Amino acid sequence: MHRMKYAGWLVVLASLLLLAACNGTNKEASESPQPTEGQSQEEQPYEENPNEEQSVEGTPPTVLEAATTVMRALKDGNMRTLAAWAHPDKGIRFSPYAYVDTKKDLVFSRQELKGLMDESEVREWGTMDGSGELIKLKYADYHKRFVYDADFFKDAEISLNEQLGKGNTINNLNDVYPKANHNFVEYYIEGTDPEVKGMDWRSLRLVFEKIGEDQALVGIIHDQWTI
């Protein structure tokens, strides 16, 4: 009789121990991080170390890459993008012809460039080659006549630091913008009108000043055949 009671207590005690062990296992499982749907335990993202070195930024664009971005902005009339490439201190000088006139060519700062396309003010941009008449235009009209007067972005032949369009106007680009710290990219469209024997060519030169490894736009020079 005593042995039967003793055996019964052993069964009850074993059951209690087994139940406690199961509860402990379930608690540990509930506290462990679970994989998200479709993700195994090994694929769980690790906690980022705040002191871990981040990936370095990309290298600065080359002058040709910079010129492509600027030319696209000129094509679209996007003055805010143009302003972002302007030299922070010198701004951008606009020259209607190959000869850069440092006294008369207009220069605009980054801030001025942003709203230039929408301004109604008529400015003097220089003189028409041949007639000597003053070039008096608001910027939007100057842009159509002496900046993006052909589809340079699509149709032009491109050169780096090499003059392609050659007329009878003095080209003093390298005097004003020395080679030592400047690059220029020329977009040239050859003439197609047989009546003028190809003299309807157009060029647009974008001049960049080197600032360390960066490039800053300092000049936009339009060129064409002149009388």
Foldseek 3Di string as FASTA:
>chain_A
DVVVVVVVVVVVVVVVVVVVVVVVVVVVVVPDDDDDPPAHPVRDDDDDDPPDDDDDDDAADDPVVVVLQCLVCLVVVQQLSLLVQADQPQAAWEAQALDDDPVQTDGDHSVCSRCQLVDQAWDFHAAAFPVRHTRTGRVVVCSCRRAPVDSLSPAWDKDKQDDDDDADDDHCPCVVVPPVFKIKMKTKDWADDVVVPGQAIKMWIWMWGDDPSYTGTHYIHIHGYGD
